[in-house]
PDB file of N, CA and C in Angstrom:
ATOM      1  N   UNK A   1     -20.424  12.017   5.711  1.00  0.00           N
ATOM      2  CA  UNK A   1     -21.010  12.729   7.030  1.00  0.00           C
ATOM      3  C   UNK A   1     -22.232  13.134   6.887  1.00  0.00           C
ATOM      4  N   UNK A   2     -22.435  13.812   5.553  1.00  0.00           N
ATOM      5  CA  UNK A   2     -23.735  14.442   5.347  1.00  0.00           C
ATOM      6  C   UNK A   2     -24.846  13.422   4.805  1.00  0.00           C
ATOM      7  N   UNK A   3     -24.478  12.356   4.582  1.00  0.00           N
ATOM      8  CA  UNK A   3     -25.420  11.218   4.192  1.00  0.00           C
ATOM      9  C   UNK A   3     -26.015  11.541   2.813  1.00  0.00           C
ATOM     10  N   UNK A   4     -25.214  12.284   1.927  1.00  0.00           N
ATOM     11  CA  UNK A   4     -25.567  12.693   0.615  1.00  0.00           C
ATOM     12  C   UNK A   4     -24.424  12.647  -0.330  1.00  0.00           C
ATOM     13  N   UNK A   5     -24.645  12.509  -1.628  1.00  0.00           N
ATOM     14  CA  UNK A   5     -23.638  12.605  -2.586  1.00  0.00           C
ATOM     15  C   UNK A   5     -23.072  14.162  -2.685  1.00  0.00           C
ATOM     16  N   UNK A   6     -21.782  14.312  -2.597  1.00  0.00           N
ATOM     17  CA  UNK A   6     -21.250  15.775  -2.747  1.00  0.00           C
ATOM     18  C   UNK A   6     -20.080  15.698  -3.775  1.00  0.00           C
ATOM     19  N   UNK A   7     -19.870  16.967  -4.267  1.00  0.00           N
ATOM     20  CA  UNK A   7     -18.843  17.125  -5.163  1.00  0.00           C
ATOM     21  C   UNK A   7     -17.471  17.036  -4.383  1.00  0.00           C
ATOM     22  N   UNK A   8     -16.401  16.341  -4.913  1.00  0.00           N
ATOM     23  CA  UNK A   8     -15.245  16.221  -4.165  1.00  0.00           C
ATOM     24  C   UNK A   8     -14.334  17.427  -4.339  1.00  0.00           C
ATOM     25  N   UNK A   9     -14.162  18.044  -3.180  1.00  0.00           N
ATOM     26  CA  UNK A   9     -13.265  19.184  -3.204  1.00  0.00           C
ATOM     27  C   UNK A   9     -12.113  19.193  -2.098  1.00  0.00           C
ATOM     28  N   UNK A  10     -10.773  18.841  -2.818  1.00  0.00           N
ATOM     29  CA  UNK A  10      -9.761  18.714  -1.810  1.00  0.00           C
ATOM     30  C   UNK A  10      -9.492  19.888  -1.009  1.00  0.00           C
ATOM     31  N   UNK A  11      -8.844  19.747   0.199  1.00  0.00           N
ATOM     32  CA  UNK A  11      -8.404  20.680   1.073  1.00  0.00           C
ATOM     33  C   UNK A  11      -7.665  21.953   0.305  1.00  0.00           C
ATOM     34  N   UNK A  12      -6.729  21.348  -0.434  1.00  0.00           N
ATOM     35  CA  UNK A  12      -5.869  22.222  -1.146  1.00  0.00           C
ATOM     36  C   UNK A  12      -6.258  22.133  -2.751  1.00  0.00           C
ATOM     37  N   UNK A  13      -6.746  23.218  -3.308  1.00  0.00           N
ATOM     38  CA  UNK A  13      -7.137  23.080  -4.689  1.00  0.00           C
ATOM     39  C   UNK A  13      -6.102  22.648  -5.499  1.00  0.00           C
ATOM     40  N   UNK A  14      -6.547  21.460  -6.306  1.00  0.00           N
ATOM     41  CA  UNK A  14      -5.624  20.848  -7.435  1.00  0.00           C
ATOM     42  C   UNK A  14      -4.822  19.797  -6.714  1.00  0.00           C
ATOM     43  N   UNK A  15      -4.742  19.595  -5.443  1.00  0.00           N
ATOM     44  CA  UNK A  15      -3.900  18.620  -4.806  1.00  0.00           C
ATOM     45  C   UNK A  15      -4.668  17.689  -3.935  1.00  0.00           C
ATOM     46  N   UNK A  16      -4.277  16.494  -4.079  1.00  0.00           N
ATOM     47  CA  UNK A  16      -4.931  15.480  -3.302  1.00  0.00           C
ATOM     48  C   UNK A  16      -3.814  14.687  -2.592  1.00  0.00           C
ATOM     49  N   UNK A  17      -3.971  14.267  -1.223  1.00  0.00           N
ATOM     50  CA  UNK A  17      -3.047  13.504  -0.562  1.00  0.00           C
ATOM     51  C   UNK A  17      -3.929  12.296  -0.061  1.00  0.00           C
ATOM     52  N   UNK A  18      -3.311  11.072  -0.531  1.00  0.00           N
ATOM     53  CA  UNK A  18      -3.843   9.669  -0.239  1.00  0.00           C
ATOM     54  C   UNK A  18      -2.882   8.951   0.706  1.00  0.00           C
ATOM     55  N   UNK A  19      -3.363   8.552   1.868  1.00  0.00           N
ATOM     56  CA  UNK A  19      -2.467   7.740   2.773  1.00  0.00           C
ATOM     57  C   UNK A  19      -3.242   6.384   2.790  1.00  0.00           C
ATOM     58  N   UNK A  20      -2.626   5.231   2.215  1.00  0.00           N
ATOM     59  CA  UNK A  20      -3.186   3.983   2.372  1.00  0.00           C
ATOM     60  C   UNK A  20      -2.339   3.028   3.334  1.00  0.00           C
ATOM     61  N   UNK A  21      -3.123   2.509   4.162  1.00  0.00           N
ATOM     62  CA  UNK A  21      -2.449   1.406   5.089  1.00  0.00           C
ATOM     63  C   UNK A  21      -2.021   0.360   4.296  1.00  0.00           C
ATOM     64  N   UNK A  22      -0.817  -0.165   4.224  1.00  0.00           N
ATOM     65  CA  UNK A  22      -0.445  -1.253   3.410  1.00  0.00           C
ATOM     66  C   UNK A  22      -0.530  -2.563   4.093  1.00  0.00           C
ATOM     67  N   UNK A  23       0.040  -3.634   3.599  1.00  0.00           N
ATOM     68  CA  UNK A  23      -0.127  -4.811   4.047  1.00  0.00           C
ATOM     69  C   UNK A  23       0.849  -5.259   5.230  1.00  0.00           C
ATOM     70  N   UNK A  24       0.619  -6.350   5.880  1.00  0.00           N
ATOM     71  CA  UNK A  24       1.463  -6.831   6.859  1.00  0.00           C
ATOM     72  C   UNK A  24       2.220  -8.074   6.263  1.00  0.00           C
ATOM     73  N   UNK A  25       3.435  -8.021   5.896  1.00  0.00           N
ATOM     74  CA  UNK A  25       4.196  -8.851   5.143  1.00  0.00           C
ATOM     75  C   UNK A  25       4.797  -9.960   5.932  1.00  0.00           C
ATOM     76  N   UNK A  26       4.177 -11.245   6.014  1.00  0.00           N
ATOM     77  CA  UNK A  26       4.826 -12.254   6.701  1.00  0.00           C
ATOM     78  C   UNK A  26       4.589 -13.555   5.821  1.00  0.00           C
ATOM     79  N   UNK A  27       4.084 -13.377   4.602  1.00  0.00           N
ATOM     80  CA  UNK A  27       3.816 -14.495   3.679  1.00  0.00           C
ATOM     81  C   UNK A  27       3.651 -13.975   2.356  1.00  0.00           C
ATOM     82  N   UNK A  28       3.475 -14.897   1.173  1.00  0.00           N
ATOM     83  CA  UNK A  28       3.196 -14.264  -0.075  1.00  0.00           C
ATOM     84  C   UNK A  28       1.873 -13.682  -0.089  1.00  0.00           C
ATOM     85  N   UNK A  29       1.840 -12.688  -1.150  1.00  0.00           N
ATOM     86  CA  UNK A  29       0.591 -11.993  -1.445  1.00  0.00           C
ATOM     87  C   UNK A  29      -0.589 -13.021  -1.688  1.00  0.00           C
ATOM     88  N   UNK A  30      -1.744 -12.384  -1.534  1.00  0.00           N
ATOM     89  CA  UNK A  30      -3.066 -13.227  -1.918  1.00  0.00           C
ATOM     90  C   UNK A  30      -3.952 -12.102  -2.532  1.00  0.00           C
ATOM     91  N   UNK A  31      -5.018 -12.648  -2.806  1.00  0.00           N
ATOM     92  CA  UNK A  31      -6.155 -11.957  -3.775  1.00  0.00           C
ATOM     93  C   UNK A  31      -6.460 -10.830  -2.933  1.00  0.00           C
ATOM     94  N   UNK A  32      -6.630 -10.761  -1.683  1.00  0.00           N
ATOM     95  CA  UNK A  32      -7.111  -9.490  -0.924  1.00  0.00           C
ATOM     96  C   UNK A  32      -6.094  -8.388  -1.081  1.00  0.00           C
ATOM     97  N   UNK A  33      -4.723  -8.778  -0.916  1.00  0.00           N
ATOM     98  CA  UNK A  33      -3.818  -7.802  -1.162  1.00  0.00           C
ATOM     99  C   UNK A  33      -3.927  -7.156  -2.643  1.00  0.00           C
ATOM    100  N   UNK A  34      -4.026  -7.891  -3.606  1.00  0.00           N
ATOM    101  CA  UNK A  34      -4.218  -7.438  -4.902  1.00  0.00           C
ATOM    102  C   UNK A  34      -5.409  -6.543  -5.144  1.00  0.00           C
ATOM    103  N   UNK A  35      -6.574  -6.943  -4.562  1.00  0.00           N
ATOM    104  CA  UNK A  35      -7.802  -6.245  -4.667  1.00  0.00           C
ATOM    105  C   UNK A  35      -7.713  -4.941  -4.140  1.00  0.00           C
ATOM    106  N   UNK A  36      -7.025  -4.757  -2.926  1.00  0.00           N
ATOM    107  CA  UNK A  36      -6.997  -3.537  -2.136  1.00  0.00           C
ATOM    108  C   UNK A  36      -6.167  -2.631  -2.920  1.00  0.00           C
ATOM    109  N   UNK A  37      -4.949  -3.191  -3.486  1.00  0.00           N
ATOM    110  CA  UNK A  37      -3.745  -2.318  -4.058  1.00  0.00           C
ATOM    111  C   UNK A  37      -4.482  -1.909  -5.458  1.00  0.00           C
ATOM    112  N   UNK A  38      -5.043  -2.733  -6.224  1.00  0.00           N
ATOM    113  CA  UNK A  38      -5.585  -2.383  -7.555  1.00  0.00           C
ATOM    114  C   UNK A  38      -6.790  -1.309  -7.372  1.00  0.00           C
ATOM    115  N   UNK A  39      -7.652  -1.473  -6.267  1.00  0.00           N
ATOM    116  CA  UNK A  39      -8.669  -0.470  -6.027  1.00  0.00           C
ATOM    117  C   UNK A  39      -7.907   0.933  -6.009  1.00  0.00           C
ATOM    118  N   UNK A  40      -6.971   1.084  -5.098  1.00  0.00           N
ATOM    119  CA  UNK A  40      -6.323   2.391  -4.739  1.00  0.00           C
ATOM    120  C   UNK A  40      -5.613   2.795  -5.992  1.00  0.00           C
ATOM    121  N   UNK A  41      -5.015   1.965  -6.694  1.00  0.00           N
ATOM    122  CA  UNK A  41      -4.346   2.095  -7.971  1.00  0.00           C
ATOM    123  C   UNK A  41      -5.265   2.873  -8.907  1.00  0.00           C
ATOM    124  N   UNK A  42      -6.498   2.197  -9.038  1.00  0.00           N
ATOM    125  CA  UNK A  42      -7.499   2.908  -9.966  1.00  0.00           C
ATOM    126  C   UNK A  42      -7.869   4.296  -9.621  1.00  0.00           C
ATOM    127  N   UNK A  43      -7.919   4.467  -8.281  1.00  0.00           N
ATOM    128  CA  UNK A  43      -8.419   5.799  -7.669  1.00  0.00           C
ATOM    129  C   UNK A  43      -7.264   6.823  -7.959  1.00  0.00           C
ATOM    130  N   UNK A  44      -6.086   6.329  -7.753  1.00  0.00           N
ATOM    131  CA  UNK A  44      -4.759   7.196  -7.963  1.00  0.00           C
ATOM    132  C   UNK A  44      -4.749   7.671  -9.467  1.00  0.00           C
ATOM    133  N   UNK A  45      -5.005   6.702 -10.325  1.00  0.00           N
ATOM    134  CA  UNK A  45      -4.978   6.937 -11.781  1.00  0.00           C
ATOM    135  C   UNK A  45      -6.132   7.993 -12.121  1.00  0.00           C
ATOM    136  N   UNK A  46      -7.198   7.843 -11.666  1.00  0.00           N
ATOM    137  CA  UNK A  46      -8.282   8.544 -11.951  1.00  0.00           C
ATOM    138  C   UNK A  46      -8.078   9.993 -11.424  1.00  0.00           C
ATOM    139  N   UNK A  47      -7.744  10.150 -10.321  1.00  0.00           N
ATOM    140  CA  UNK A  47      -7.390  11.576  -9.725  1.00  0.00           C
ATOM    141  C   UNK A  47      -6.408  12.288 -10.731  1.00  0.00           C
ATOM    142  N   UNK A  48      -5.445  11.517 -10.954  1.00  0.00           N
ATOM    143  CA  UNK A  48      -4.382  12.120 -11.938  1.00  0.00           C
ATOM    144  C   UNK A  48      -4.885  12.461 -13.123  1.00  0.00           C
ATOM    145  N   UNK A  49      -5.692  11.681 -13.700  1.00  0.00           N
ATOM    146  CA  UNK A  49      -6.294  11.874 -15.027  1.00  0.00           C
ATOM    147  C   UNK A  49      -7.321  13.038 -14.903  1.00  0.00           C
ATOM    148  N   UNK A  50      -7.875  13.379 -13.822  1.00  0.00           N
ATOM    149  CA  UNK A  50      -8.808  14.521 -13.625  1.00  0.00           C
ATOM    150  C   UNK A  50      -7.820  15.733 -13.523  1.00  0.00           C
ATOM    151  N   UNK A  51      -6.554  15.682 -13.382  1.00  0.00           N
ATOM    152  CA  UNK A  51      -5.638  16.768 -13.438  1.00  0.00           C
ATOM    153  C   UNK A  51      -5.193  17.067 -11.975  1.00  0.00           C
ATOM    154  N   UNK A  52      -5.567  16.326 -11.003  1.00  0.00           N
ATOM    155  CA  UNK A  52      -5.034  16.574  -9.589  1.00  0.00           C
ATOM    156  C   UNK A  52      -3.484  16.117  -9.560  1.00  0.00           C
ATOM    157  N   UNK A  53      -2.738  16.843  -8.662  1.00  0.00           N
ATOM    158  CA  UNK A  53      -1.413  16.564  -8.239  1.00  0.00           C
ATOM    159  C   UNK A  53      -1.622  15.594  -7.101  1.00  0.00           C
ATOM    160  N   UNK A  54      -1.347  14.390  -7.298  1.00  0.00           N
ATOM    161  CA  UNK A  54      -1.644  13.509  -6.260  1.00  0.00           C
ATOM    162  C   UNK A  54      -0.305  12.948  -5.498  1.00  0.00           C
ATOM    163  N   UNK A  55      -0.393  12.959  -4.121  1.00  0.00           N
ATOM    164  CA  UNK A  55       0.607  12.308  -3.425  1.00  0.00           C
ATOM    165  C   UNK A  55      -0.006  11.052  -2.788  1.00  0.00           C
ATOM    166  N   UNK A  56       0.533   9.968  -3.050  1.00  0.00           N
ATOM    167  CA  UNK A  56       0.164   8.819  -2.801  1.00  0.00           C
ATOM    168  C   UNK A  56       1.242   8.002  -1.735  1.00  0.00           C
ATOM    169  N   UNK A  57       0.744   7.883  -0.502  1.00  0.00           N
ATOM    170  CA  UNK A  57       1.601   7.223   0.361  1.00  0.00           C
ATOM    171  C   UNK A  57       1.034   5.893   0.810  1.00  0.00           C
ATOM    172  N   UNK A  58       1.753   4.852   0.781  1.00  0.00           N
ATOM    173  CA  UNK A  58       1.203   3.401   1.316  1.00  0.00           C
ATOM    174  C   UNK A  58       2.276   3.072   2.132  1.00  0.00           C
ATOM    175  N   UNK A  59       2.091   2.494   3.416  1.00  0.00           N
ATOM    176  CA  UNK A  59       3.158   2.027   4.346  1.00  0.00           C
ATOM    177  C   UNK A  59       3.035   0.323   4.224  1.00  0.00           C
ATOM    178  N   UNK A  60       4.029  -0.223   4.809  1.00  0.00           N
ATOM    179  CA  UNK A  60       3.989  -1.666   5.240  1.00  0.00           C
ATOM    180  C   UNK A  60       3.978  -1.635   6.776  1.00  0.00           C
ATOM    181  N   UNK A  61       3.399  -2.653   7.231  1.00  0.00           N
ATOM    182  CA  UNK A  61       3.456  -3.006   8.749  1.00  0.00           C
ATOM    183  C   UNK A  61       4.710  -3.851   8.692  1.00  0.00           C
ATOM    184  N   UNK A  62       5.841  -3.536   9.292  1.00  0.00           N
ATOM    185  CA  UNK A  62       6.990  -4.399   9.097  1.00  0.00           C
ATOM    186  C   UNK A  62       7.436  -5.093  10.480  1.00  0.00           C
ATOM    187  N   UNK A  63       6.697  -4.754  11.503  1.00  0.00           N
ATOM    188  CA  UNK A  63       6.861  -5.495  12.714  1.00  0.00           C
ATOM    189  C   UNK A  63       5.459  -5.629  13.491  1.00  0.00           C
ATOM    190  N   UNK A  64       4.999  -6.940  13.504  1.00  0.00           N
ATOM    191  CA  UNK A  64       3.628  -7.388  14.064  1.00  0.00           C
ATOM    192  C   UNK A  64       3.713  -8.643  14.722  1.00  0.00           C
ATOM    193  N   UNK A  65       2.812  -8.961  15.362  1.00  0.00           N
ATOM    194  CA  UNK A  65       2.662 -10.350  15.949  1.00  0.00           C
ATOM    195  C   UNK A  65       2.704 -11.365  14.929  1.00  0.00           C
ATOM    196  N   UNK A  66       1.911 -11.380  13.825  1.00  0.00           N
ATOM    197  CA  UNK A  66       2.013 -12.449  12.797  1.00  0.00           C
ATOM    198  C   UNK A  66       3.417 -12.437  12.219  1.00  0.00           C
ATOM    199  N   UNK A  67       4.126 -11.505  11.941  1.00  0.00           N
ATOM    200  CA  UNK A  67       5.524 -11.488  11.505  1.00  0.00           C
ATOM    201  C   UNK A  67       6.387 -12.139  12.447  1.00  0.00           C
ATOM    202  N   UNK A  68       6.307 -11.836  13.715  1.00  0.00           N
ATOM    203  CA  UNK A  68       7.056 -12.469  14.701  1.00  0.00           C
ATOM    204  C   UNK A  68       6.879 -13.913  14.805  1.00  0.00           C
ATOM    205  N   UNK A  69       5.503 -14.163  15.012  1.00  0.00           N
ATOM    206  CA  UNK A  69       5.149 -15.574  14.947  1.00  0.00           C
ATOM    207  C   UNK A  69       5.722 -16.527  13.861  1.00  0.00           C
ATOM    208  N   UNK A  70       5.716 -15.987  12.423  1.00  0.00           N
ATOM    209  CA  UNK A  70       6.053 -16.717  11.330  1.00  0.00           C
ATOM    210  C   UNK A  70       7.670 -16.699  11.501  1.00  0.00           C
ATOM    211  N   UNK A  71       8.287 -15.669  11.861  1.00  0.00           N
ATOM    212  CA  UNK A  71       9.755 -15.739  11.795  1.00  0.00           C
ATOM    213  C   UNK A  71      10.251 -16.832  12.886  1.00  0.00           C
ATOM    214  N   UNK A  72       9.440 -16.881  14.064  1.00  0.00           N
ATOM    215  CA  UNK A  72       9.848 -17.970  14.953  1.00  0.00           C
ATOM    216  C   UNK A  72       9.624 -19.320  14.410  1.00  0.00           C
ATOM    217  N   UNK A  73       8.583 -19.567  13.706  1.00  0.00           N
ATOM    218  CA  UNK A  73       8.243 -20.758  13.073  1.00  0.00           C
ATOM    219  C   UNK A  73       9.353 -21.084  12.055  1.00  0.00           C
ATOM    220  N   UNK A  74       9.925 -20.134  11.329  1.00  0.00           N
ATOM    221  CA  UNK A  74      10.847 -20.493  10.321  1.00  0.00           C
ATOM    222  C   UNK A  74      12.132 -20.323  10.764  1.00  0.00           C
ATOM    223  N   UNK A  75      12.458 -19.825  12.028  1.00  0.00           N
ATOM    224  CA  UNK A  75      13.863 -19.581  12.460  1.00  0.00           C
ATOM    225  C   UNK A  75      14.602 -18.353  11.851  1.00  0.00           C
ATOM    226  N   UNK A  76      13.675 -17.376  11.257  1.00  0.00           N
ATOM    227  CA  UNK A  76      14.460 -16.259  10.524  1.00  0.00           C
ATOM    228  C   UNK A  76      14.319 -15.076  11.456  1.00  0.00           C
ATOM    229  N   UNK A  77      15.073 -14.202  11.132  1.00  0.00           N
ATOM    230  CA  UNK A  77      14.966 -12.742  11.826  1.00  0.00           C
ATOM    231  C   UNK A  77      13.623 -12.030  11.226  1.00  0.00           C
ATOM    232  N   UNK A  78      12.809 -11.457  12.278  1.00  0.00           N
ATOM    233  CA  UNK A  78      11.476 -10.829  11.812  1.00  0.00           C
ATOM    234  C   UNK A  78      11.757  -9.864  10.717  1.00  0.00           C
ATOM    235  N   UNK A  79      12.732  -9.109  10.973  1.00  0.00           N
ATOM    236  CA  UNK A  79      12.983  -7.928  10.042  1.00  0.00           C
ATOM    237  C   UNK A  79      13.351  -8.504   8.613  1.00  0.00           C
ATOM    238  N   UNK A  80      14.140  -9.427   8.494  1.00  0.00           N
ATOM    239  CA  UNK A  80      14.477 -10.165   7.203  1.00  0.00           C
ATOM    240  C   UNK A  80      13.308 -10.802   6.636  1.00  0.00           C
ATOM    241  N   UNK A  81      12.600 -11.323   7.509  1.00  0.00           N
ATOM    242  CA  UNK A  81      11.353 -12.079   6.824  1.00  0.00           C
ATOM    243  C   UNK A  81      10.448 -11.025   6.283  1.00  0.00           C
ATOM    244  N   UNK A  82      10.179  -9.989   6.923  1.00  0.00           N
ATOM    245  CA  UNK A  82       9.299  -8.973   6.535  1.00  0.00           C
ATOM    246  C   UNK A  82       9.824  -8.327   5.309  1.00  0.00           C
ATOM    247  N   UNK A  83      11.078  -8.013   5.181  1.00  0.00           N
ATOM    248  CA  UNK A  83      11.631  -7.437   4.076  1.00  0.00           C
ATOM    249  C   UNK A  83      11.589  -8.187   2.827  1.00  0.00           C
ATOM    250  N   UNK A  84      11.723  -9.598   3.025  1.00  0.00           N
ATOM    251  CA  UNK A  84      11.579 -10.438   1.752  1.00  0.00           C
ATOM    252  C   UNK A  84      10.157 -10.500   1.202  1.00  0.00           C
ATOM    253  N   UNK A  85       9.327 -10.437   2.200  1.00  0.00           N
ATOM    254  CA  UNK A  85       7.817 -10.575   1.654  1.00  0.00           C
ATOM    255  C   UNK A  85       7.352  -9.199   1.211  1.00  0.00           C
ATOM    256  N   UNK A  86       7.912  -8.083   1.722  1.00  0.00           N
ATOM    257  CA  UNK A  86       7.621  -6.664   1.259  1.00  0.00           C
ATOM    258  C   UNK A  86       8.036  -6.621  -0.289  1.00  0.00           C
ATOM    259  N   UNK A  87       9.281  -7.111  -0.609  1.00  0.00           N
ATOM    260  CA  UNK A  87       9.813  -7.067  -1.785  1.00  0.00           C
ATOM    261  C   UNK A  87       9.075  -7.815  -2.803  1.00  0.00           C
ATOM    262  N   UNK A  88       8.674  -9.080  -2.307  1.00  0.00           N
ATOM    263  CA  UNK A  88       7.821 -10.036  -3.096  1.00  0.00           C
ATOM    264  C   UNK A  88       6.396  -9.372  -3.476  1.00  0.00           C
ATOM    265  N   UNK A  89       5.812  -8.733  -2.365  1.00  0.00           N
ATOM    266  CA  UNK A  89       4.585  -7.890  -2.743  1.00  0.00           C
ATOM    267  C   UNK A  89       4.795  -6.852  -3.803  1.00  0.00           C
ATOM    268  N   UNK A  90       5.802  -6.116  -3.656  1.00  0.00           N
ATOM    269  CA  UNK A  90       6.012  -5.019  -4.735  1.00  0.00           C
ATOM    270  C   UNK A  90       6.197  -5.667  -6.034  1.00  0.00           C
ATOM    271  N   UNK A  91       6.951  -6.866  -6.130  1.00  0.00           N
ATOM    272  CA  UNK A  91       7.035  -7.449  -7.477  1.00  0.00           C
ATOM    273  C   UNK A  91       5.618  -7.939  -7.958  1.00  0.00           C
ATOM    274  N   UNK A  92       4.903  -8.367  -7.075  1.00  0.00           N
ATOM    275  CA  UNK A  92       3.608  -8.980  -7.436  1.00  0.00           C
ATOM    276  C   UNK A  92       2.636  -7.822  -7.891  1.00  0.00           C
ATOM    277  N   UNK A  93       2.668  -6.784  -7.200  1.00  0.00           N
ATOM    278  CA  UNK A  93       1.821  -5.669  -7.666  1.00  0.00           C
ATOM    279  C   UNK A  93       2.391  -4.982  -8.926  1.00  0.00           C
ATOM    280  N   UNK A  94       3.578  -4.950  -9.020  1.00  0.00           N
ATOM    281  CA  UNK A  94       4.146  -4.499 -10.339  1.00  0.00           C
ATOM    282  C   UNK A  94       3.708  -5.382 -11.621  1.00  0.00           C
ATOM    283  N   UNK A  95       3.655  -6.654 -11.238  1.00  0.00           N
ATOM    284  CA  UNK A  95       3.310  -7.566 -12.243  1.00  0.00           C
ATOM    285  C   UNK A  95       1.707  -7.369 -12.659  1.00  0.00           C
ATOM    286  N   UNK A  96       0.914  -6.768 -11.634  1.00  0.00           N
ATOM    287  CA  UNK A  96      -0.464  -6.360 -12.042  1.00  0.00           C
ATOM    288  C   UNK A  96      -0.538  -5.043 -12.647  1.00  0.00           C
ATOM    289  N   UNK A  97       0.673  -4.471 -12.963  1.00  0.00           N
ATOM    290  CA  UNK A  97       0.564  -3.124 -13.598  1.00  0.00           C
ATOM    291  C   UNK A  97       0.185  -2.065 -12.620  1.00  0.00           C
ATOM    292  N   UNK A  98       0.277  -2.036 -11.385  1.00  0.00           N
ATOM    293  CA  UNK A  98      -0.091  -1.226 -10.430  1.00  0.00           C
ATOM    294  C   UNK A  98       1.197  -0.196 -10.345  1.00  0.00           C
ATOM    295  N   UNK A  99       0.802   1.240 -10.332  1.00  0.00           N
ATOM    296  CA  UNK A  99       1.697   2.211 -10.204  1.00  0.00           C
ATOM    297  C   UNK A  99       2.241   2.338  -8.722  1.00  0.00           C
ATOM    298  N   UNK A 100       3.549   2.360  -8.719  1.00  0.00           N
ATOM    299  CA  UNK A 100       4.112   2.552  -7.300  1.00  0.00           C
ATOM    300  C   UNK A 100       3.667   3.798  -6.652  1.00  0.00           C
ATOM    301  N   UNK A 101       3.402   3.828  -5.400  1.00  0.00           N
ATOM    302  CA  UNK A 101       2.886   5.158  -4.628  1.00  0.00           C
ATOM    303  C   UNK A 101       4.154   6.154  -4.729  1.00  0.00           C
ATOM    304  N   UNK A 102       3.871   7.402  -4.480  1.00  0.00           N
ATOM    305  CA  UNK A 102       4.698   8.552  -4.451  1.00  0.00           C
ATOM    306  C   UNK A 102       5.738   8.252  -3.365  1.00  0.00           C
ATOM    307  N   UNK A 103       5.200   7.799  -2.213  1.00  0.00           N
ATOM    308  CA  UNK A 103       6.203   7.489  -1.023  1.00  0.00           C
ATOM    309  C   UNK A 103       5.719   6.042  -0.527  1.00  0.00           C
ATOM    310  N   UNK A 104       6.594   5.271  -0.085  1.00  0.00           N
ATOM    311  CA  UNK A 104       6.425   4.025   0.561  1.00  0.00           C
ATOM    312  C   UNK A 104       7.287   3.869   1.633  1.00  0.00           C
ATOM    313  N   UNK A 105       6.827   4.380   2.973  1.00  0.00           N
ATOM    314  CA  UNK A 105       7.767   4.331   3.969  1.00  0.00           C
ATOM    315  C   UNK A 105       7.967   2.866   4.460  1.00  0.00           C
ATOM    316  N   UNK A 106       9.308   2.624   4.542  1.00  0.00           N
ATOM    317  CA  UNK A 106       9.542   1.010   4.951  1.00  0.00           C
ATOM    318  C   UNK A 106      10.976   1.177   5.513  1.00  0.00           C
ATOM    319  N   UNK A 107      11.072   0.856   6.859  1.00  0.00           N
ATOM    320  CA  UNK A 107      12.308   1.059   7.529  1.00  0.00           C
ATOM    321  C   UNK A 107      13.355  -0.086   7.243  1.00  0.00           C
ATOM    322  N   UNK A 108      13.043  -1.146   6.605  1.00  0.00           N
ATOM    323  CA  UNK A 108      14.058  -2.134   6.367  1.00  0.00           C
ATOM    324  C   UNK A 108      14.858  -2.129   5.257  1.00  0.00           C
ATOM    325  N   UNK A 109      14.552  -1.241   4.183  1.00  0.00           N
ATOM    326  CA  UNK A 109      15.270  -1.212   2.867  1.00  0.00           C
ATOM    327  C   UNK A 109      16.035   0.041   2.772  1.00  0.00           C
TER     328      UNK A 109
END
């Protein structure tokens, strides 16, 4: 906002809260999912390395037009479809050695 580099100062000294909008799970993960997740994983690790207490929250979009459309195409329940691909996403990101967020709100599991 100031159009210049500034030293990072969290609202609460020593604590950082990160909220990251997660993926919409209606199919298998792709490179863009990995790029985004790895980028925030690096930031999370770096802030922890600097000594901050980090609360990292990443959500899933579990009901969306894309999910409903794909569920209709496959004849599946939208919630079940989303749940399946959310679990697959977490497995994929774990395979990339990404640390799980502190909290991951997901109403289906």
